[in-house]
Amino acid sequence: MTTVISVVAALLLIGVYLSWTAGRLDRLHARMDAARAALDAQLLRRASITQELATAGVFDPAASMVLYQAAHAARLAEDEQREVAESELTQALRAVFAERAQVGAVLDAPGGEASAEELVAAVRRVPMARRFHNDAVRAARAVRRHRTVRWLRLAGHAPFPLAFEMDDEPPPALLEPLRGDGSATH
């Protein structure tokens, strides 16, 4: 009789452990999905602000065209090409805002200060959102690598989590305070 009780207790403990692991994996997948939605929102915001600035007549035609095309491509990119398109938008922003004079041109335009603040906020938030997403992916991958999870297929049919790798280094000119008086705008 004690053997039966021991076996039932062991099976109950294994069941609790497997249920806890499956629940944890489900929470990690939900966290990863939420982080991806936040990243998508920040990337879309950055592309929208960039397109708005590109069409505002602040820059010379070549710079406006480069920014507009990169932002447009980033907004319309399919999932397989998204990382490349977003990296190209980052590179276009760095090229256009390589000099502090371009930031000054935006600030001097009507409504430019608000646009510049939005762009600065967007280029600062994208790396953070990407980091949060990739941290969630890393945590989910760590749990999914466990033998028990793989053998018992506790992840179900969920696709293997993939990190979002892109160039997200913001232009240095946008990271400086927006006004020359030393006051940051946010």
N, C-alpha and C. Protein backbone atom coordinates (compact mmCIF):
# COMPACT_ATOMS: atom_id res chain seq x y z
N MET A 1 0.82 -1.20 0.00
CA MET A 1 0.00 0.00 0.00
C MET A 1 0.87 1.27 0.00
N THR A 2 1.95 1.26 0.77
CA THR A 2 2.84 2.43 0.78
C THR A 2 3.49 2.63 -0.58
N THR A 3 3.73 1.57 -1.29
CA THR A 3 4.31 1.70 -2.63
C THR A 3 3.34 2.42 -3.56
N VAL A 4 2.08 2.08 -3.49
CA VAL A 4 1.06 2.71 -4.32
C VAL A 4 0.96 4.19 -3.98
N ILE A 5 0.96 4.51 -2.70
CA ILE A 5 0.87 5.90 -2.26
C ILE A 5 2.11 6.67 -2.72
N SER A 6 3.27 6.05 -2.64
CA SER A 6 4.51 6.70 -3.08
C SER A 6 4.48 6.97 -4.58
N VAL A 7 4.00 6.00 -5.35
CA VAL A 7 3.93 6.16 -6.80
C VAL A 7 2.92 7.26 -7.16
N VAL A 8 1.77 7.25 -6.50
CA VAL A 8 0.75 8.27 -6.75
C VAL A 8 1.30 9.66 -6.37
N ALA A 9 1.99 9.76 -5.25
CA ALA A 9 2.56 11.03 -4.81
C ALA A 9 3.62 11.51 -5.81
N ALA A 10 4.45 10.58 -6.29
CA ALA A 10 5.48 10.94 -7.26
C ALA A 10 4.84 11.41 -8.57
N LEU A 11 3.82 10.70 -9.03
CA LEU A 11 3.12 11.10 -10.25
C LEU A 11 2.43 12.45 -10.07
N LEU A 12 1.87 12.68 -8.89
CA LEU A 12 1.23 13.96 -8.61
C LEU A 12 2.26 15.10 -8.64
N LEU A 13 3.42 14.87 -8.05
CA LEU A 13 4.48 15.89 -8.06
C LEU A 13 4.98 16.16 -9.48
N ILE A 14 5.15 15.11 -10.26
CA ILE A 14 5.57 15.27 -11.65
C ILE A 14 4.51 16.05 -12.43
N GLY A 15 3.24 15.73 -12.20
CA GLY A 15 2.16 16.45 -12.87
C GLY A 15 2.13 17.92 -12.49
N VAL A 16 2.33 18.21 -11.21
CA VAL A 16 2.35 19.60 -10.76
C VAL A 16 3.52 20.33 -11.41
N TYR A 17 4.69 19.68 -11.44
CA TYR A 17 5.87 20.30 -12.05
C TYR A 17 5.63 20.58 -13.53
N LEU A 18 5.08 19.60 -14.25
CA LEU A 18 4.82 19.79 -15.68
C LEU A 18 3.78 20.88 -15.91
N SER A 19 2.76 20.93 -15.09
CA SER A 19 1.75 21.96 -15.22
C SER A 19 2.35 23.34 -14.94
N TRP A 20 3.18 23.44 -13.91
CA TRP A 20 3.84 24.71 -13.58
C TRP A 20 4.75 25.15 -14.73
N THR A 21 5.51 24.21 -15.30
CA THR A 21 6.41 24.53 -16.40
C THR A 21 5.63 24.98 -17.63
N ALA A 22 4.54 24.29 -17.94
CA ALA A 22 3.72 24.68 -19.10
C ALA A 22 3.10 26.06 -18.87
N GLY A 23 2.67 26.34 -17.65
CA GLY A 23 2.12 27.66 -17.33
C GLY A 23 3.17 28.74 -17.43
N ARG A 24 4.36 28.44 -16.96
CA ARG A 24 5.45 29.40 -17.05
C ARG A 24 5.79 29.70 -18.51
N LEU A 25 5.84 28.65 -19.31
CA LEU A 25 6.13 28.82 -20.73
C LEU A 25 5.04 29.64 -21.42
N ASP A 26 3.80 29.40 -21.04
CA ASP A 26 2.70 30.18 -21.60
C ASP A 26 2.82 31.65 -21.21
N ARG A 27 3.16 31.94 -19.96
CA ARG A 27 3.35 33.33 -19.52
C ARG A 27 4.51 33.98 -20.25
N LEU A 28 5.58 33.23 -20.49
CA LEU A 28 6.72 33.78 -21.23
C LEU A 28 6.36 34.09 -22.67
N HIS A 29 5.56 33.23 -23.27
CA HIS A 29 5.11 33.50 -24.65
C HIS A 29 4.20 34.73 -24.68
N ALA A 30 3.35 34.89 -23.68
CA ALA A 30 2.48 36.08 -23.62
C ALA A 30 3.32 37.33 -23.43
N ARG A 31 4.34 37.24 -22.56
CA ARG A 31 5.23 38.39 -22.34
C ARG A 31 5.98 38.74 -23.63
N MET A 32 6.41 37.71 -24.34
CA MET A 32 7.13 37.91 -25.60
C MET A 32 6.21 38.56 -26.65
N ASP A 33 4.97 38.12 -26.71
CA ASP A 33 4.01 38.71 -27.66
C ASP A 33 3.73 40.17 -27.32
N ALA A 34 3.60 40.47 -26.04
CA ALA A 34 3.36 41.86 -25.62
C ALA A 34 4.57 42.73 -25.93
N ALA A 35 5.77 42.19 -25.70
CA ALA A 35 6.99 42.95 -26.01
C ALA A 35 7.12 43.17 -27.51
N ARG A 36 6.72 42.20 -28.31
CA ARG A 36 6.79 42.36 -29.76
C ARG A 36 5.79 43.41 -30.23
N ALA A 37 4.61 43.43 -29.63
CA ALA A 37 3.62 44.44 -30.00
C ALA A 37 4.14 45.84 -29.63
N ALA A 38 4.78 45.96 -28.48
CA ALA A 38 5.35 47.25 -28.07
C ALA A 38 6.47 47.67 -29.02
N LEU A 39 7.31 46.72 -29.41
CA LEU A 39 8.38 47.01 -30.36
C LEU A 39 7.80 47.45 -31.70
N ASP A 40 6.80 46.74 -32.19
CA ASP A 40 6.16 47.11 -33.46
C ASP A 40 5.58 48.53 -33.38
N ALA A 41 4.97 48.85 -32.25
CA ALA A 41 4.39 50.19 -32.09
C ALA A 41 5.47 51.26 -32.12
N GLN A 42 6.61 51.00 -31.46
CA GLN A 42 7.69 51.99 -31.44
C GLN A 42 8.32 52.13 -32.83
N LEU A 43 8.48 51.03 -33.52
CA LEU A 43 9.04 51.10 -34.87
C LEU A 43 8.10 51.85 -35.82
N LEU A 44 6.82 51.60 -35.70
CA LEU A 44 5.84 52.30 -36.53
C LEU A 44 5.83 53.79 -36.20
N ARG A 45 5.92 54.12 -34.93
CA ARG A 45 5.95 55.52 -34.51
C ARG A 45 7.17 56.23 -35.08
N ARG A 46 8.32 55.56 -35.00
CA ARG A 46 9.56 56.15 -35.53
C ARG A 46 9.44 56.38 -37.04
N ALA A 47 8.92 55.40 -37.76
CA ALA A 47 8.77 55.53 -39.22
C ALA A 47 7.77 56.63 -39.57
N SER A 48 6.68 56.73 -38.82
CA SER A 48 5.67 57.76 -39.09
C SER A 48 6.23 59.15 -38.87
N ILE A 49 6.94 59.35 -37.78
CA ILE A 49 7.53 60.66 -37.50
C ILE A 49 8.57 61.00 -38.55
N THR A 50 9.35 60.02 -38.96
CA THR A 50 10.36 60.25 -39.99
C THR A 50 9.70 60.64 -41.31
N GLN A 51 8.65 59.96 -41.69
CA GLN A 51 7.94 60.31 -42.93
C GLN A 51 7.36 61.72 -42.83
N GLU A 52 6.81 62.04 -41.68
CA GLU A 52 6.25 63.37 -41.48
C GLU A 52 7.32 64.45 -41.65
N LEU A 53 8.49 64.22 -41.04
CA LEU A 53 9.59 65.19 -41.18
C LEU A 53 10.10 65.26 -42.61
N ALA A 54 10.15 64.11 -43.27
CA ALA A 54 10.67 64.07 -44.64
C ALA A 54 9.79 64.87 -45.60
N THR A 55 8.50 64.93 -45.32
CA THR A 55 7.59 65.65 -46.20
C THR A 55 7.31 67.08 -45.74
N ALA A 56 7.96 67.51 -44.66
CA ALA A 56 7.70 68.85 -44.10
C ALA A 56 8.47 69.95 -44.82
N GLY A 57 9.37 69.60 -45.71
CA GLY A 57 10.13 70.60 -46.44
C GLY A 57 11.26 71.21 -45.63
N VAL A 58 11.69 70.52 -44.59
CA VAL A 58 12.76 71.01 -43.72
C VAL A 58 14.13 70.71 -44.31
N PHE A 59 14.26 69.57 -44.95
CA PHE A 59 15.54 69.11 -45.46
C PHE A 59 15.67 69.42 -46.95
N ASP A 60 16.89 69.26 -47.43
CA ASP A 60 17.08 69.37 -48.87
C ASP A 60 16.40 68.17 -49.53
N PRO A 61 16.10 68.26 -50.83
CA PRO A 61 15.35 67.19 -51.49
C PRO A 61 15.99 65.80 -51.38
N ALA A 62 17.31 65.74 -51.45
CA ALA A 62 17.97 64.43 -51.38
C ALA A 62 17.77 63.80 -50.00
N ALA A 63 17.97 64.57 -48.95
CA ALA A 63 17.79 64.05 -47.59
C ALA A 63 16.34 63.67 -47.35
N SER A 64 15.43 64.50 -47.84
CA SER A 64 14.00 64.19 -47.68
C SER A 64 13.65 62.89 -48.37
N MET A 65 14.18 62.69 -49.58
CA MET A 65 13.89 61.46 -50.33
C MET A 65 14.46 60.23 -49.62
N VAL A 66 15.69 60.34 -49.13
CA VAL A 66 16.32 59.22 -48.42
C VAL A 66 15.49 58.84 -47.19
N LEU A 67 15.12 59.83 -46.39
CA LEU A 67 14.33 59.57 -45.19
C LEU A 67 12.96 59.00 -45.54
N TYR A 68 12.30 59.61 -46.51
CA TYR A 68 10.96 59.16 -46.87
C TYR A 68 10.97 57.71 -47.37
N GLN A 69 11.89 57.40 -48.28
CA GLN A 69 11.94 56.05 -48.83
C GLN A 69 12.27 55.02 -47.76
N ALA A 70 13.21 55.34 -46.88
CA ALA A 70 13.58 54.39 -45.82
C ALA A 70 12.40 54.18 -44.86
N ALA A 71 11.72 55.25 -44.49
CA ALA A 71 10.58 55.13 -43.58
C ALA A 71 9.43 54.38 -44.26
N HIS A 72 9.18 54.67 -45.51
CA HIS A 72 8.12 53.99 -46.25
C HIS A 72 8.41 52.49 -46.36
N ALA A 73 9.66 52.16 -46.68
CA ALA A 73 10.04 50.75 -46.78
C ALA A 73 9.91 50.04 -45.43
N ALA A 74 10.26 50.73 -44.35
CA ALA A 74 10.15 50.13 -43.01
C ALA A 74 8.69 49.88 -42.64
N ARG A 75 7.81 50.80 -43.01
CA ARG A 75 6.40 50.64 -42.68
C ARG A 75 5.75 49.51 -43.46
N LEU A 76 6.20 49.28 -44.70
CA LEU A 76 5.55 48.28 -45.56
C LEU A 76 6.28 46.94 -45.59
N ALA A 77 7.37 46.82 -44.89
CA ALA A 77 8.18 45.60 -44.96
C ALA A 77 7.43 44.38 -44.42
N GLU A 78 7.60 43.28 -45.12
CA GLU A 78 7.07 42.00 -44.64
C GLU A 78 7.92 41.54 -43.46
N ASP A 79 7.42 40.58 -42.68
CA ASP A 79 8.14 40.13 -41.48
C ASP A 79 9.56 39.67 -41.77
N GLU A 80 9.75 38.98 -42.91
CA GLU A 80 11.08 38.45 -43.23
C GLU A 80 12.08 39.56 -43.51
N GLN A 81 11.61 40.69 -44.01
CA GLN A 81 12.48 41.81 -44.39
C GLN A 81 12.45 42.96 -43.40
N ARG A 82 11.71 42.81 -42.33
CA ARG A 82 11.50 43.92 -41.39
C ARG A 82 12.79 44.39 -40.74
N GLU A 83 13.61 43.45 -40.28
CA GLU A 83 14.85 43.82 -39.60
C GLU A 83 15.76 44.62 -40.52
N VAL A 84 15.87 44.22 -41.77
CA VAL A 84 16.71 44.92 -42.74
C VAL A 84 16.15 46.31 -43.02
N ALA A 85 14.85 46.40 -43.22
CA ALA A 85 14.23 47.69 -43.52
C ALA A 85 14.37 48.66 -42.34
N GLU A 86 14.20 48.15 -41.13
CA GLU A 86 14.34 49.02 -39.95
C GLU A 86 15.80 49.45 -39.76
N SER A 87 16.73 48.56 -40.05
CA SER A 87 18.14 48.93 -39.98
C SER A 87 18.48 50.00 -41.01
N GLU A 88 17.90 49.89 -42.19
CA GLU A 88 18.13 50.90 -43.23
C GLU A 88 17.54 52.25 -42.83
N LEU A 89 16.42 52.24 -42.13
CA LEU A 89 15.85 53.49 -41.64
C LEU A 89 16.78 54.11 -40.59
N THR A 90 17.32 53.30 -39.72
CA THR A 90 18.27 53.79 -38.72
C THR A 90 19.48 54.41 -39.40
N GLN A 91 19.99 53.74 -40.41
CA GLN A 91 21.16 54.26 -41.13
C GLN A 91 20.83 55.56 -41.85
N ALA A 92 19.63 55.66 -42.40
CA ALA A 92 19.21 56.90 -43.07
C ALA A 92 19.11 58.04 -42.06
N LEU A 93 18.57 57.75 -40.89
CA LEU A 93 18.48 58.78 -39.84
C LEU A 93 19.88 59.23 -39.41
N ARG A 94 20.79 58.27 -39.27
CA ARG A 94 22.16 58.64 -38.89
C ARG A 94 22.83 59.46 -39.99
N ALA A 95 22.57 59.13 -41.24
CA ALA A 95 23.17 59.88 -42.36
C ALA A 95 22.63 61.30 -42.41
N VAL A 96 21.33 61.46 -42.28
CA VAL A 96 20.72 62.79 -42.37
C VAL A 96 21.06 63.63 -41.14
N PHE A 97 21.04 63.01 -39.98
CA PHE A 97 21.31 63.74 -38.75
C PHE A 97 22.76 63.57 -38.28
N ALA A 98 23.66 63.40 -39.24
CA ALA A 98 25.08 63.28 -38.90
C ALA A 98 25.62 64.59 -38.34
N GLU A 99 25.04 65.68 -38.78
CA GLU A 99 25.48 67.00 -38.32
C GLU A 99 24.38 67.65 -37.49
N ARG A 100 24.79 68.37 -36.52
CA ARG A 100 23.87 69.08 -35.62
C ARG A 100 23.02 70.12 -36.37
N ALA A 101 23.52 70.59 -37.52
CA ALA A 101 22.80 71.60 -38.29
C ALA A 101 21.43 71.09 -38.75
N GLN A 102 21.33 69.80 -39.04
CA GLN A 102 20.04 69.24 -39.47
C GLN A 102 19.03 69.30 -38.34
N VAL A 103 19.49 69.04 -37.12
CA VAL A 103 18.59 69.14 -35.97
C VAL A 103 18.13 70.59 -35.82
N GLY A 104 19.05 71.53 -36.01
CA GLY A 104 18.71 72.94 -35.96
C GLY A 104 17.69 73.32 -37.02
N ALA A 105 17.81 72.74 -38.21
CA ALA A 105 16.86 73.02 -39.27
C ALA A 105 15.46 72.56 -38.88
N VAL A 106 15.37 71.40 -38.24
CA VAL A 106 14.08 70.90 -37.78
C VAL A 106 13.52 71.81 -36.70
N LEU A 107 14.36 72.20 -35.75
CA LEU A 107 13.91 73.06 -34.65
C LEU A 107 13.43 74.42 -35.13
N ASP A 108 14.05 74.94 -36.18
CA ASP A 108 13.69 76.27 -36.69
C ASP A 108 12.41 76.27 -37.52
N ALA A 109 11.98 75.12 -37.97
CA ALA A 109 10.75 75.03 -38.78
C ALA A 109 9.53 75.23 -37.88
N PRO A 110 8.42 75.69 -38.44
CA PRO A 110 7.19 75.82 -37.64
C PRO A 110 6.76 74.45 -37.10
N GLY A 111 6.57 74.37 -35.80
CA GLY A 111 6.21 73.10 -35.17
C GLY A 111 7.36 72.13 -35.09
N GLY A 112 8.55 72.62 -35.41
CA GLY A 112 9.72 71.74 -35.46
C GLY A 112 10.17 71.23 -34.11
N GLU A 113 9.98 72.04 -33.08
CA GLU A 113 10.43 71.60 -31.76
C GLU A 113 9.65 70.37 -31.31
N ALA A 114 8.33 70.39 -31.52
CA ALA A 114 7.51 69.23 -31.15
C ALA A 114 7.89 68.01 -32.00
N SER A 115 8.13 68.23 -33.29
CA SER A 115 8.52 67.12 -34.17
C SER A 115 9.87 66.55 -33.75
N ALA A 116 10.80 67.44 -33.42
CA ALA A 116 12.12 66.98 -32.98
C ALA A 116 12.02 66.18 -31.69
N GLU A 117 11.19 66.66 -30.77
CA GLU A 117 11.01 65.94 -29.50
C GLU A 117 10.42 64.56 -29.74
N GLU A 118 9.44 64.48 -30.63
CA GLU A 118 8.84 63.18 -30.96
C GLU A 118 9.87 62.23 -31.57
N LEU A 119 10.67 62.76 -32.49
CA LEU A 119 11.69 61.92 -33.13
C LEU A 119 12.73 61.46 -32.12
N VAL A 120 13.17 62.35 -31.25
CA VAL A 120 14.14 61.98 -30.22
C VAL A 120 13.56 60.89 -29.33
N ALA A 121 12.32 61.07 -28.91
CA ALA A 121 11.68 60.05 -28.06
C ALA A 121 11.59 58.72 -28.79
N ALA A 122 11.24 58.77 -30.06
CA ALA A 122 11.10 57.53 -30.83
C ALA A 122 12.43 56.81 -31.00
N VAL A 123 13.49 57.56 -31.35
CA VAL A 123 14.77 56.88 -31.57
C VAL A 123 15.37 56.39 -30.24
N ARG A 124 14.95 56.94 -29.13
CA ARG A 124 15.41 56.43 -27.83
C ARG A 124 14.62 55.21 -27.38
N ARG A 125 13.35 55.16 -27.74
CA ARG A 125 12.50 54.07 -27.29
C ARG A 125 12.68 52.79 -28.09
N VAL A 126 13.06 52.91 -29.34
CA VAL A 126 13.22 51.71 -30.17
C VAL A 126 14.26 50.75 -29.58
N PRO A 127 15.47 51.20 -29.20
CA PRO A 127 16.42 50.26 -28.61
C PRO A 127 15.93 49.62 -27.31
N MET A 128 15.21 50.40 -26.51
CA MET A 128 14.67 49.84 -25.26
C MET A 128 13.63 48.78 -25.56
N ALA A 129 12.71 49.07 -26.47
CA ALA A 129 11.66 48.11 -26.81
C ALA A 129 12.27 46.84 -27.41
N ARG A 130 13.30 47.02 -28.23
CA ARG A 130 13.97 45.85 -28.83
C ARG A 130 14.65 45.03 -27.75
N ARG A 131 15.27 45.70 -26.79
CA ARG A 131 15.94 44.99 -25.69
C ARG A 131 14.93 44.20 -24.86
N PHE A 132 13.78 44.81 -24.54
CA PHE A 132 12.75 44.10 -23.78
C PHE A 132 12.25 42.88 -24.55
N HIS A 133 12.03 43.04 -25.85
CA HIS A 133 11.58 41.92 -26.67
C HIS A 133 12.61 40.80 -26.68
N ASN A 134 13.87 41.17 -26.92
CA ASN A 134 14.91 40.15 -27.00
C ASN A 134 15.16 39.48 -25.64
N ASP A 135 14.97 40.20 -24.54
CA ASP A 135 15.06 39.58 -23.22
C ASP A 135 13.95 38.55 -23.02
N ALA A 136 12.74 38.89 -23.46
CA ALA A 136 11.63 37.94 -23.35
C ALA A 136 11.88 36.71 -24.22
N VAL A 137 12.44 36.92 -25.41
CA VAL A 137 12.77 35.81 -26.29
C VAL A 137 13.82 34.91 -25.64
N ARG A 138 14.84 35.53 -25.06
CA ARG A 138 15.91 34.78 -24.41
C ARG A 138 15.36 33.92 -23.26
N ALA A 139 14.45 34.49 -22.46
CA ALA A 139 13.86 33.74 -21.35
C ALA A 139 13.02 32.56 -21.86
N ALA A 140 12.23 32.80 -22.90
CA ALA A 140 11.41 31.71 -23.46
C ALA A 140 12.28 30.62 -24.07
N ARG A 141 13.34 31.02 -24.75
CA ARG A 141 14.25 30.02 -25.32
C ARG A 141 14.90 29.18 -24.24
N ALA A 142 15.27 29.80 -23.12
CA ALA A 142 15.92 29.06 -22.04
C ALA A 142 15.01 27.97 -21.50
N VAL A 143 13.73 28.27 -21.35
CA VAL A 143 12.79 27.26 -20.86
C VAL A 143 12.54 26.21 -21.93
N ARG A 144 12.43 26.64 -23.18
CA ARG A 144 12.15 25.68 -24.26
C ARG A 144 13.31 24.73 -24.54
N ARG A 145 14.52 25.09 -24.11
CA ARG A 145 15.68 24.21 -24.32
C ARG A 145 15.71 23.03 -23.36
N HIS A 146 14.96 23.10 -22.26
CA HIS A 146 14.97 21.99 -21.30
C HIS A 146 14.46 20.72 -21.98
N ARG A 147 15.12 19.64 -21.65
CA ARG A 147 14.78 18.35 -22.26
C ARG A 147 13.32 17.98 -22.03
N THR A 148 12.84 18.19 -20.81
CA THR A 148 11.46 17.83 -20.49
C THR A 148 10.48 18.59 -21.37
N VAL A 149 10.73 19.86 -21.58
CA VAL A 149 9.84 20.69 -22.40
C VAL A 149 9.84 20.19 -23.84
N ARG A 150 11.02 19.85 -24.34
CA ARG A 150 11.11 19.35 -25.73
C ARG A 150 10.46 17.98 -25.86
N TRP A 151 10.80 17.06 -24.96
CA TRP A 151 10.30 15.69 -25.08
C TRP A 151 8.78 15.62 -24.94
N LEU A 152 8.23 16.38 -24.01
CA LEU A 152 6.79 16.32 -23.78
C LEU A 152 6.03 17.38 -24.59
N ARG A 153 6.75 18.12 -25.40
CA ARG A 153 6.17 19.14 -26.27
C ARG A 153 5.26 20.10 -25.50
N LEU A 154 5.79 20.62 -24.40
CA LEU A 154 5.02 21.52 -23.56
C LEU A 154 4.79 22.88 -24.23
N ALA A 155 5.57 23.19 -25.23
CA ALA A 155 5.38 24.46 -25.94
C ALA A 155 4.26 24.37 -26.98
N GLY A 156 3.75 23.19 -27.18
CA GLY A 156 2.68 23.01 -28.15
C GLY A 156 3.18 23.28 -29.56
N HIS A 157 2.40 24.01 -30.31
CA HIS A 157 2.75 24.32 -31.70
C HIS A 157 3.26 25.76 -31.86
N ALA A 158 3.60 26.38 -30.75
CA ALA A 158 4.12 27.75 -30.82
C ALA A 158 5.45 27.76 -31.55
N PRO A 159 5.65 28.72 -32.45
CA PRO A 159 6.93 28.78 -33.17
C PRO A 159 8.07 29.09 -32.21
N PHE A 160 9.26 28.65 -32.58
CA PHE A 160 10.42 28.92 -31.74
C PHE A 160 10.67 30.43 -31.73
N PRO A 161 10.85 31.01 -30.56
CA PRO A 161 11.02 32.47 -30.48
C PRO A 161 12.29 32.95 -31.17
N LEU A 162 12.14 34.03 -31.94
CA LEU A 162 13.27 34.62 -32.64
C LEU A 162 13.49 36.05 -32.16
N ALA A 163 14.75 36.38 -31.93
CA ALA A 163 15.10 37.73 -31.52
C ALA A 163 14.96 38.67 -32.71
N PHE A 164 14.77 39.94 -32.42
CA PHE A 164 14.68 40.97 -33.46
C PHE A 164 16.02 41.68 -33.49
N GLU A 165 16.80 41.41 -34.52
CA GLU A 165 18.14 41.97 -34.63
C GLU A 165 18.15 43.06 -35.69
N MET A 166 18.52 44.24 -35.27
CA MET A 166 18.57 45.37 -36.20
C MET A 166 19.58 46.38 -35.69
N ASP A 167 19.98 47.25 -36.57
CA ASP A 167 20.84 48.38 -36.19
C ASP A 167 19.92 49.43 -35.59
N ASP A 168 20.08 49.71 -34.31
CA ASP A 168 19.21 50.70 -33.67
C ASP A 168 20.00 51.80 -32.96
N GLU A 169 21.25 51.97 -33.39
CA GLU A 169 22.10 53.02 -32.81
C GLU A 169 21.58 54.38 -33.27
N PRO A 170 21.08 55.21 -32.34
CA PRO A 170 20.52 56.50 -32.75
C PRO A 170 21.59 57.48 -33.20
N PRO A 171 21.21 58.45 -34.01
CA PRO A 171 22.17 59.48 -34.43
C PRO A 171 22.65 60.27 -33.21
N PRO A 172 23.95 60.45 -33.04
CA PRO A 172 24.45 61.19 -31.88
C PRO A 172 23.88 62.60 -31.77
N ALA A 173 23.63 63.25 -32.89
CA ALA A 173 23.11 64.62 -32.86
C ALA A 173 21.72 64.67 -32.22
N LEU A 174 20.96 63.58 -32.29
CA LEU A 174 19.63 63.56 -31.68
C LEU A 174 19.67 63.24 -30.19
N LEU A 175 20.79 62.74 -29.71
CA LEU A 175 20.89 62.40 -28.30
C LEU A 175 21.33 63.57 -27.44
N GLU A 176 21.85 64.61 -28.08
CA GLU A 176 22.25 65.81 -27.36
C GLU A 176 21.00 66.60 -27.01
N PRO A 177 21.08 67.49 -26.02
CA PRO A 177 19.91 68.34 -25.75
C PRO A 177 19.52 69.10 -27.01
N LEU A 178 18.23 69.27 -27.22
CA LEU A 178 17.75 69.87 -28.46
C LEU A 178 18.08 71.35 -28.60
N ARG A 179 18.09 72.08 -27.54
CA ARG A 179 18.42 73.50 -27.61
C ARG A 179 19.82 73.73 -27.09
N GLY A 180 20.51 74.68 -27.65
CA GLY A 180 21.90 74.97 -27.30
C GLY A 180 22.07 75.57 -25.93
N ASP A 181 20.97 75.90 -25.21
CA ASP A 181 21.10 76.51 -23.90
C ASP A 181 21.35 75.50 -22.80
N GLY A 182 21.51 74.22 -23.18
CA GLY A 182 21.85 73.18 -22.21
C GLY A 182 20.63 72.53 -21.58
N SER A 183 19.43 73.00 -21.91
CA SER A 183 18.25 72.39 -21.32
C SER A 183 17.71 71.31 -22.24
N ALA A 184 17.47 70.19 -21.67
CA ALA A 184 16.87 69.10 -22.43
C ALA A 184 15.38 69.39 -22.53
N THR A 185 14.76 68.88 -23.58
CA THR A 185 13.35 69.18 -23.77
C THR A 185 12.43 68.18 -23.11
N HIS A 186 12.94 67.13 -22.53
CA HIS A 186 12.05 66.26 -21.80
C HIS A 186 12.69 65.79 -20.60
